[in-house]
Amino acid sequence: DSVAAKAVNTQLEAVIKKSSLIAEKHQNSKFVGDSYNLIGIARLYKGDFINAIETFKYVNSEATQDFQKHEAMVHLMRAYLEAGDESTALRVAEVLKELPLNKKNERDFYLIKAQIHQIKKEYALSTAILEEALPLMKKSEQKARVHFAAGQMYEKLNDTRNASRHYKAVL
């Protein structure tokens, strides 16, 4: 949210500045794709969606390592979602689902895709996608939040058994 982003704006600027140094001084480094991904994520958190999208597109076209390209595409999908362009985010998802993603990128892909369908009020599809994401997550506060969201959507679908199962998992 924009209020929280303003509170950490100086830290986000520091991330952009330091990550830019890696890209400038070490063009042949295997970490250049990672540094550009960090720049894009910082821009995304700042609410600078246009520049975040451009950064992720650049990483996807220029990175040397596949996992960096895949991470950029996952974040690109999120940037389009945050910018309010769900249809383009779903087009990126169609490309991503054909790629061999690592565990982290696959988890993030499922979570963002579920969020897209939740926003579109497609709760059955969203919960099915969340069921795929949950085994990829470690026990954490984030996993508890995902269980709670799944419980809420199952409740909207009048599936109290699955809703109860997810609410219990929050504990």
C-alpha atoms as a PDB file:
ATOM      1  CA  ASP A   1       0.000   0.000   0.000  1.00  0.00           C
ATOM      2  CA  SER A   2       1.201   3.519  -0.765  1.00  0.00           C
ATOM      3  CA  VAL A   3       1.342   4.672   2.869  1.00  0.00           C
ATOM      4  CA  ALA A   4       3.613   1.775   3.847  1.00  0.00           C
ATOM      5  CA  ALA A   5       5.715   2.365   0.721  1.00  0.00           C
ATOM      6  CA  LYS A   6       6.304   6.002   1.698  1.00  0.00           C
ATOM      7  CA  ALA A   7       7.558   4.895   5.104  1.00  0.00           C
ATOM      8  CA  VAL A   8      10.310   2.809   3.485  1.00  0.00           C
ATOM      9  CA  ASN A   9      10.941   5.042   0.474  1.00  0.00           C
ATOM     10  CA  THR A  10      14.521   5.861   1.518  1.00  0.00           C
ATOM     11  CA  GLN A  11      15.340   2.165   1.903  1.00  0.00           C
ATOM     12  CA  LEU A  12      13.830   1.414  -1.506  1.00  0.00           C
ATOM     13  CA  GLU A  13      15.911   4.209  -3.041  1.00  0.00           C
ATOM     14  CA  ALA A  14      19.007   2.677  -1.410  1.00  0.00           C
ATOM     15  CA  VAL A  15      18.167  -0.709  -2.935  1.00  0.00           C
ATOM     16  CA  ILE A  16      17.826   0.876  -6.369  1.00  0.00           C
ATOM     17  CA  LYS A  17      21.077   2.830  -5.992  1.00  0.00           C
ATOM     18  CA  LYS A  18      23.162  -0.106  -4.732  1.00  0.00           C
ATOM     19  CA  SER A  19      21.719  -2.565  -7.221  1.00  0.00           C
ATOM     20  CA  SER A  20      22.416  -0.112 -10.032  1.00  0.00           C
ATOM     21  CA  LEU A  21      26.085  -0.100  -9.036  1.00  0.00           C
ATOM     22  CA  ILE A  22      26.321  -3.841  -9.662  1.00  0.00           C
ATOM     23  CA  ALA A  23      24.775  -3.431 -13.106  1.00  0.00           C
ATOM     24  CA  GLU A  24      27.066  -0.499 -13.969  1.00  0.00           C
ATOM     25  CA  LYS A  25      30.387  -1.802 -12.691  1.00  0.00           C
ATOM     26  CA  HIS A  26      30.066  -5.526 -13.337  1.00  0.00           C
ATOM     27  CA  GLN A  27      28.224  -5.922 -16.654  1.00  0.00           C
ATOM     28  CA  ASN A  28      29.549  -9.475 -17.135  1.00  0.00           C
ATOM     29  CA  SER A  29      28.649 -10.686 -13.643  1.00  0.00           C
ATOM     30  CA  LYS A  30      26.184 -13.518 -13.193  1.00  0.00           C
ATOM     31  CA  PHE A  31      24.417 -11.306 -10.623  1.00  0.00           C
ATOM     32  CA  VAL A  32      23.384  -8.547 -13.049  1.00  0.00           C
ATOM     33  CA  GLY A  33      19.986 -10.189 -13.623  1.00  0.00           C
ATOM     34  CA  ASP A  34      19.470 -10.449  -9.871  1.00  0.00           C
ATOM     35  CA  SER A  35      20.377  -6.789  -9.384  1.00  0.00           C
ATOM     36  CA  TYR A  36      17.916  -5.677 -12.062  1.00  0.00           C
ATOM     37  CA  ASN A  37      15.241  -7.874 -10.476  1.00  0.00           C
ATOM     38  CA  LEU A  38      15.884  -6.097  -7.155  1.00  0.00           C
ATOM     39  CA  ILE A  39      15.572  -2.735  -8.900  1.00  0.00           C
ATOM     40  CA  GLY A  40      12.262  -3.818 -10.424  1.00  0.00           C
ATOM     41  CA  ILE A  41      10.939  -5.101  -7.093  1.00  0.00           C
ATOM     42  CA  ALA A  42      11.888  -1.836  -5.363  1.00  0.00           C
ATOM     43  CA  ARG A  43      10.105   0.130  -8.092  1.00  0.00           C
ATOM     44  CA  LEU A  44       7.092  -2.144  -7.738  1.00  0.00           C
ATOM     45  CA  TYR A  45       6.944  -1.508  -3.978  1.00  0.00           C
ATOM     46  CA  LYS A  46       7.288   2.234  -4.585  1.00  0.00           C
ATOM     47  CA  GLY A  47       4.250   2.110  -6.868  1.00  0.00           C
ATOM     48  CA  ASP A  48       6.291   2.990  -9.969  1.00  0.00           C
ATOM     49  CA  PHE A  49       4.589   0.304 -12.047  1.00  0.00           C
ATOM     50  CA  ILE A  50       5.623   1.563 -15.495  1.00  0.00           C
ATOM     51  CA  ASN A  51       9.343   1.509 -14.691  1.00  0.00           C
ATOM     52  CA  ALA A  52       8.997  -1.786 -12.794  1.00  0.00           C
ATOM     53  CA  ILE A  53       7.363  -3.380 -15.843  1.00  0.00           C
ATOM     54  CA  GLU A  54      10.107  -2.065 -18.108  1.00  0.00           C
ATOM     55  CA  THR A  55      12.796  -3.368 -15.740  1.00  0.00           C
ATOM     56  CA  PHE A  56      11.275  -6.853 -15.625  1.00  0.00           C
ATOM     57  CA  LYS A  57      10.906  -6.919 -19.416  1.00  0.00           C
ATOM     58  CA  TYR A  58      14.584  -5.961 -19.708  1.00  0.00           C
ATOM     59  CA  VAL A  59      15.657  -8.772 -17.369  1.00  0.00           C
ATOM     60  CA  ASN A  60      13.525 -11.255 -19.293  1.00  0.00           C
ATOM     61  CA  SER A  61      15.202 -10.308 -22.563  1.00  0.00           C
ATOM     62  CA  GLU A  62      18.789  -9.782 -21.337  1.00  0.00           C
ATOM     63  CA  ALA A  63      19.468 -12.072 -18.345  1.00  0.00           C
ATOM     64  CA  THR A  64      21.839 -14.959 -18.910  1.00  0.00           C
ATOM     65  CA  GLN A  65      20.302 -17.371 -16.397  1.00  0.00           C
ATOM     66  CA  ASP A  66      16.851 -18.875 -16.834  1.00  0.00           C
ATOM     67  CA  PHE A  67      15.845 -18.622 -13.168  1.00  0.00           C
ATOM     68  CA  GLN A  68      16.473 -14.851 -13.324  1.00  0.00           C
ATOM     69  CA  LYS A  69      14.277 -14.545 -16.414  1.00  0.00           C
ATOM     70  CA  HIS A  70      11.565 -16.630 -14.763  1.00  0.00           C
ATOM     71  CA  GLU A  71      11.712 -14.533 -11.594  1.00  0.00           C
ATOM     72  CA  ALA A  72      11.401 -11.382 -13.701  1.00  0.00           C
ATOM     73  CA  MET A  73       8.342 -12.796 -15.462  1.00  0.00           C
ATOM     74  CA  VAL A  74       6.702 -13.722 -12.153  1.00  0.00           C
ATOM     75  CA  HIS A  75       7.265 -10.182 -10.893  1.00  0.00           C
ATOM     76  CA  LEU A  76       6.104  -8.814 -14.259  1.00  0.00           C
ATOM     77  CA  MET A  77       2.846 -10.677 -13.748  1.00  0.00           C
ATOM     78  CA  ARG A  78       2.528  -9.056 -10.305  1.00  0.00           C
ATOM     79  CA  ALA A  79       3.385  -5.603 -11.674  1.00  0.00           C
ATOM     80  CA  TYR A  80       0.616  -5.880 -14.263  1.00  0.00           C
ATOM     81  CA  LEU A  81      -1.788  -7.024 -11.546  1.00  0.00           C
ATOM     82  CA  GLU A  82      -0.858  -4.106  -9.275  1.00  0.00           C
ATOM     83  CA  ALA A  83      -1.241  -1.723 -12.226  1.00  0.00           C
ATOM     84  CA  GLY A  84      -4.796  -3.040 -12.716  1.00  0.00           C
ATOM     85  CA  ASP A  85      -4.142  -4.949 -15.948  1.00  0.00           C
ATOM     86  CA  GLU A  86      -5.325  -8.470 -15.028  1.00  0.00           C
ATOM     87  CA  SER A  87      -5.666  -9.612 -18.641  1.00  0.00           C
ATOM     88  CA  THR A  88      -2.002  -8.905 -19.436  1.00  0.00           C
ATOM     89  CA  ALA A  89      -0.989 -10.544 -16.147  1.00  0.00           C
ATOM     90  CA  LEU A  90      -2.895 -13.670 -17.225  1.00  0.00           C
ATOM     91  CA  ARG A  91      -1.140 -13.624 -20.623  1.00  0.00           C
ATOM     92  CA  VAL A  92       2.209 -13.609 -18.826  1.00  0.00           C
ATOM     93  CA  ALA A  93       0.923 -16.494 -16.673  1.00  0.00           C
ATOM     94  CA  GLU A  94       0.134 -18.498 -19.809  1.00  0.00           C
ATOM     95  CA  VAL A  95       3.765 -18.196 -20.895  1.00  0.00           C
ATOM     96  CA  LEU A  96       5.076 -18.973 -17.401  1.00  0.00           C
ATOM     97  CA  LYS A  97       3.046 -22.147 -16.934  1.00  0.00           C
ATOM     98  CA  GLU A  98       4.984 -23.763 -19.795  1.00  0.00           C
ATOM     99  CA  LEU A  99       8.398 -23.000 -18.253  1.00  0.00           C
ATOM    100  CA  PRO A 100      10.309 -25.198 -15.789  1.00  0.00           C
ATOM    101  CA  LEU A 101      10.229 -22.969 -12.698  1.00  0.00           C
ATOM    102  CA  ASN A 102      12.264 -23.476  -9.546  1.00  0.00           C
ATOM    103  CA  LYS A 103      10.363 -23.965  -6.269  1.00  0.00           C
ATOM    104  CA  LYS A 104      10.430 -20.275  -5.246  1.00  0.00           C
ATOM    105  CA  ASN A 105       9.290 -19.000  -8.647  1.00  0.00           C
ATOM    106  CA  GLU A 106       6.617 -21.700  -8.886  1.00  0.00           C
ATOM    107  CA  ARG A 107       5.273 -20.770  -5.428  1.00  0.00           C
ATOM    108  CA  ASP A 108       5.189 -17.057  -6.274  1.00  0.00           C
ATOM    109  CA  PHE A 109       3.610 -17.799  -9.661  1.00  0.00           C
ATOM    110  CA  TYR A 110       0.773 -19.740  -8.016  1.00  0.00           C
ATOM    111  CA  LEU A 111       0.211 -17.088  -5.348  1.00  0.00           C
ATOM    112  CA  ILE A 112      -0.009 -14.239  -7.855  1.00  0.00           C
ATOM    113  CA  LYS A 113      -2.200 -16.210 -10.233  1.00  0.00           C
ATOM    114  CA  ALA A 114      -4.540 -17.093  -7.348  1.00  0.00           C
ATOM    115  CA  GLN A 115      -4.692 -13.406  -6.417  1.00  0.00           C
ATOM    116  CA  ILE A 116      -5.670 -12.496  -9.987  1.00  0.00           C
ATOM    117  CA  HIS A 117      -8.554 -14.969  -9.918  1.00  0.00           C
ATOM    118  CA  GLN A 118      -9.580 -13.833  -6.438  1.00  0.00           C
ATOM    119  CA  ILE A 119      -9.810 -10.229  -7.683  1.00  0.00           C
ATOM    120  CA  LYS A 120     -11.935 -11.454 -10.598  1.00  0.00           C
ATOM    121  CA  LYS A 121     -14.173 -13.212  -8.017  1.00  0.00           C
ATOM    122  CA  GLU A 122     -13.326 -16.633  -9.486  1.00  0.00           C
ATOM    123  CA  TYR A 123     -13.043 -18.224  -6.042  1.00  0.00           C
ATOM    124  CA  ALA A 124     -13.153 -21.883  -7.091  1.00  0.00           C
ATOM    125  CA  LEU A 125     -10.231 -21.406  -9.466  1.00  0.00           C
ATOM    126  CA  SER A 126      -8.340 -19.288  -6.957  1.00  0.00           C
ATOM    127  CA  THR A 127      -8.658 -21.881  -4.186  1.00  0.00           C
ATOM    128  CA  ALA A 128      -7.554 -24.665  -6.523  1.00  0.00           C
ATOM    129  CA  ILE A 129      -4.425 -22.675  -7.361  1.00  0.00           C
ATOM    130  CA  LEU A 130      -3.780 -21.950  -3.668  1.00  0.00           C
ATOM    131  CA  GLU A 131      -3.992 -25.687  -2.965  1.00  0.00           C
ATOM    132  CA  GLU A 132      -1.090 -26.084  -5.411  1.00  0.00           C
ATOM    133  CA  ALA A 133       0.929 -23.304  -3.769  1.00  0.00           C
ATOM    134  CA  LEU A 134       0.560 -24.369  -0.133  1.00  0.00           C
ATOM    135  CA  PRO A 135       2.801 -27.474  -0.316  1.00  0.00           C
ATOM    136  CA  LEU A 136       5.557 -25.276  -1.775  1.00  0.00           C
ATOM    137  CA  MET A 137       5.493 -22.948   1.244  1.00  0.00           C
ATOM    138  CA  LYS A 138       7.375 -23.317   4.503  1.00  0.00           C
ATOM    139  CA  LYS A 139       5.558 -22.933   7.794  1.00  0.00           C
ATOM    140  CA  SER A 140       5.398 -19.166   8.263  1.00  0.00           C
ATOM    141  CA  GLU A 141       3.136 -16.202   8.803  1.00  0.00           C
ATOM    142  CA  GLN A 142       2.728 -15.920   5.030  1.00  0.00           C
ATOM    143  CA  LYS A 143       1.529 -19.519   4.793  1.00  0.00           C
ATOM    144  CA  ALA A 144      -0.975 -18.855   7.591  1.00  0.00           C
ATOM    145  CA  ARG A 145      -2.289 -15.855   5.645  1.00  0.00           C
ATOM    146  CA  VAL A 146      -2.705 -17.990   2.546  1.00  0.00           C
ATOM    147  CA  HIS A 147      -4.606 -20.600   4.570  1.00  0.00           C
ATOM    148  CA  PHE A 148      -6.854 -17.845   5.945  1.00  0.00           C
ATOM    149  CA  ALA A 149      -7.529 -16.444   2.456  1.00  0.00           C
ATOM    150  CA  ALA A 150      -8.318 -19.955   1.191  1.00  0.00           C
ATOM    151  CA  GLY A 151     -10.683 -20.436   4.120  1.00  0.00           C
ATOM    152  CA  GLN A 152     -12.478 -17.197   3.306  1.00  0.00           C
ATOM    153  CA  MET A 153     -12.886 -18.149  -0.351  1.00  0.00           C
ATOM    154  CA  TYR A 154     -14.127 -21.647   0.533  1.00  0.00           C
ATOM    155  CA  GLU A 155     -16.632 -19.956   2.835  1.00  0.00           C
ATOM    156  CA  LYS A 156     -17.870 -17.828  -0.085  1.00  0.00           C
ATOM    157  CA  LEU A 157     -18.259 -21.057  -2.056  1.00  0.00           C
ATOM    158  CA  ASN A 158     -20.322 -22.540   0.842  1.00  0.00           C
ATOM    159  CA  ASP A 159     -17.722 -25.283   1.352  1.00  0.00           C
ATOM    160  CA  THR A 160     -17.561 -25.201   5.145  1.00  0.00           C
ATOM    161  CA  ARG A 161     -15.535 -28.409   5.433  1.00  0.00           C
ATOM    162  CA  ASN A 162     -12.591 -27.032   3.429  1.00  0.00           C
ATOM    163  CA  ALA A 163     -12.997 -23.583   4.985  1.00  0.00           C
ATOM    164  CA  SER A 164     -12.731 -25.110   8.453  1.00  0.00           C
ATOM    165  CA  ARG A 165      -9.679 -27.152   7.422  1.00  0.00           C
ATOM    166  CA  HIS A 166      -7.864 -24.005   6.282  1.00  0.00           C
ATOM    167  CA  TYR A 167      -8.907 -21.972   9.318  1.00  0.00           C
ATOM    168  CA  LYS A 168      -7.525 -24.729  11.584  1.00  0.00           C
ATOM    169  CA  ALA A 169      -4.250 -24.681   9.621  1.00  0.00           C
ATOM    170  CA  VAL A 170      -3.834 -20.991  10.488  1.00  0.00           C
ATOM    171  CA  LEU A 171      -3.276 -21.955  14.115  1.00  0.00           C
END
